[in-house]
Protein backbone atom coordinates (compact mmCIF):
# COMPACT_ATOMS: atom_id res chain seq x y z
CA VAL A 1 71.12 -74.69 110.50
CA GLN A 2 70.94 -73.89 114.03
CA LEU A 3 68.85 -76.73 115.45
CA GLN A 4 69.69 -79.95 114.01
CA ALA A 5 67.44 -82.97 114.90
CA SER A 6 68.45 -86.52 114.29
CA GLY A 7 67.84 -90.19 115.40
CA GLY A 8 64.69 -91.13 113.57
CA GLY A 9 64.06 -94.30 111.79
CA LEU A 10 61.97 -97.50 111.30
CA VAL A 11 61.24 -99.43 114.47
CA GLN A 12 58.96 -102.22 115.41
CA ALA A 13 56.28 -101.78 117.93
CA GLY A 14 57.68 -101.96 121.39
CA GLY A 15 60.96 -100.82 120.19
CA SER A 16 63.24 -97.83 121.25
CA LEU A 17 64.86 -94.58 119.63
CA ARG A 18 66.63 -91.57 120.96
CA LEU A 19 66.17 -88.41 119.18
CA SER A 20 68.94 -85.73 119.60
CA CYS A 21 68.35 -81.86 118.72
CA ALA A 22 71.93 -80.42 118.71
CA GLY A 23 72.38 -76.30 118.65
CA SER A 24 74.78 -74.65 116.46
CA GLU A 25 75.15 -71.01 116.62
CA ARG A 26 72.72 -71.22 119.67
CA THR A 27 73.24 -71.78 123.27
CA LEU A 28 70.55 -74.16 124.21
CA ARG A 29 70.88 -73.70 128.04
CA ASP A 30 69.61 -70.23 127.22
CA TYR A 31 66.18 -71.81 125.87
CA VAL A 32 63.37 -73.83 127.04
CA MET A 33 63.36 -76.71 124.55
CA GLY A 34 60.44 -78.60 123.24
CA TRP A 35 59.70 -81.76 121.22
CA PHE A 36 56.64 -81.93 118.83
CA ARG A 37 55.57 -84.07 116.27
CA GLN A 38 53.34 -84.01 113.03
CA PRO A 39 51.45 -87.40 112.31
CA PRO A 40 50.61 -87.96 108.75
CA GLY A 41 47.62 -85.79 107.72
CA LYS A 42 47.54 -84.02 111.00
CA GLU A 43 48.72 -80.83 112.59
CA ARG A 44 51.72 -80.44 114.83
CA GLU A 45 51.40 -81.62 118.41
CA PHE A 46 52.90 -81.30 121.59
CA VAL A 47 55.06 -84.11 122.85
CA ALA A 48 57.35 -83.00 125.62
CA THR A 49 59.18 -79.99 126.84
CA ALA A 50 62.00 -79.03 129.42
CA SER A 51 62.99 -75.98 131.47
CA ARG A 52 66.31 -74.46 130.77
CA SER A 53 67.94 -76.40 133.39
CA GLY A 54 65.87 -79.43 132.70
CA GLN A 55 64.56 -79.87 136.16
CA ARG A 56 60.99 -79.19 135.14
CA THR A 57 59.75 -81.27 132.25
CA GLU A 58 55.93 -81.71 130.77
CA TYR A 59 54.68 -84.49 128.71
CA ARG A 60 51.78 -85.17 126.31
CA ASP A 61 49.50 -87.62 128.28
CA SER A 62 49.97 -90.42 125.55
CA VAL A 63 53.71 -90.62 125.93
CA LYS A 64 54.12 -90.36 129.76
CA GLY A 65 56.04 -93.28 131.29
CA ARG A 66 57.23 -94.13 127.84
CA PHE A 67 59.33 -90.74 126.64
CA THR A 68 61.88 -89.07 128.56
CA ILE A 69 63.24 -85.48 127.50
CA SER A 70 66.46 -84.44 128.75
CA ARG A 71 69.41 -82.11 128.05
CA ASP A 72 73.09 -81.99 128.31
CA ASN A 73 73.90 -78.09 128.13
CA ALA A 74 77.50 -78.99 128.20
CA LYS A 75 76.90 -80.70 124.74
CA ASN A 76 74.36 -77.96 123.71
CA THR A 77 71.82 -81.09 122.97
CA VAL A 78 68.59 -82.16 123.85
CA TYR A 79 67.32 -85.73 123.70
CA LEU A 80 64.15 -87.48 123.50
CA GLN A 81 64.37 -91.03 124.78
CA MET A 82 61.28 -92.99 123.27
CA ASN A 83 60.46 -96.62 124.62
CA SER A 84 57.69 -98.89 124.20
CA LEU A 85 56.92 -97.23 120.66
CA LYS A 86 53.77 -97.70 119.18
CA PRO A 87 52.51 -97.29 115.56
CA GLU A 88 50.56 -94.15 116.49
CA ASP A 89 53.87 -92.57 117.63
CA THR A 90 54.82 -92.51 113.90
CA ALA A 91 55.36 -88.98 112.78
CA VAL A 92 57.89 -86.32 111.99
CA TYR A 93 59.38 -85.09 114.90
CA PHE A 94 60.66 -81.59 115.50
CA CYS A 95 62.63 -79.93 118.37
CA GLY A 96 61.89 -76.10 118.88
CA ASP A 97 63.20 -73.46 121.48
CA ARG A 98 61.69 -70.61 123.20
CA HIS A 99 63.75 -67.89 125.08
CA THR A 100 61.76 -67.67 128.15
CA ARG A 101 62.06 -69.65 131.40
CA PHE A 102 58.46 -70.88 131.16
CA VAL A 103 57.94 -74.35 129.67
CA SER A 104 55.12 -74.55 127.07
CA SER A 105 52.98 -77.00 125.30
CA THR A 106 51.88 -74.66 122.74
CA ALA A 107 53.73 -75.00 119.46
CA GLU A 108 52.91 -71.08 118.47
CA GLU A 109 55.00 -70.02 121.71
CA TYR A 110 58.23 -71.41 120.17
CA GLN A 111 60.47 -68.91 118.38
CA TYR A 112 62.88 -71.47 116.36
CA TRP A 113 62.24 -74.93 114.89
CA GLY A 114 64.80 -77.36 113.52
CA GLN A 115 64.15 -79.72 110.63
CA GLY A 116 62.40 -82.50 111.68
CA THR A 117 63.42 -86.23 111.85
CA GLN A 118 60.94 -89.12 110.61
CA VAL A 119 60.11 -91.73 113.08
CA THR A 120 58.08 -94.72 111.75
CA VAL A 121 56.94 -97.56 114.15
CA SER A 122 55.41 -100.73 112.35
CA SER A 123 52.83 -102.97 113.96
């Protein structure tokens, strides 16, 4: 496994979770990283992305102000801090990477994906 996502779970609305995406056999500082999610019965959708340095970030409109993507290149890990969670945030969350310096919100532009981690937000 080259990208390992973890940190999902069951949380009440208004709660917080922090997802981690750890790289093994991949040096994540060489990649733009993204978080996507797939709600039940829906297609995969963009959540957040960060440039290789982490200085440039972009977010899905519905998570702006609630989610924060960050990266610790020394630990070869990317994080997604999720606060004020809502039931509509329920999904399987995936991390992906793309070997370029340009951020992207398009799943097809990411070359490698880790396995997902389930986030369930109860009302």
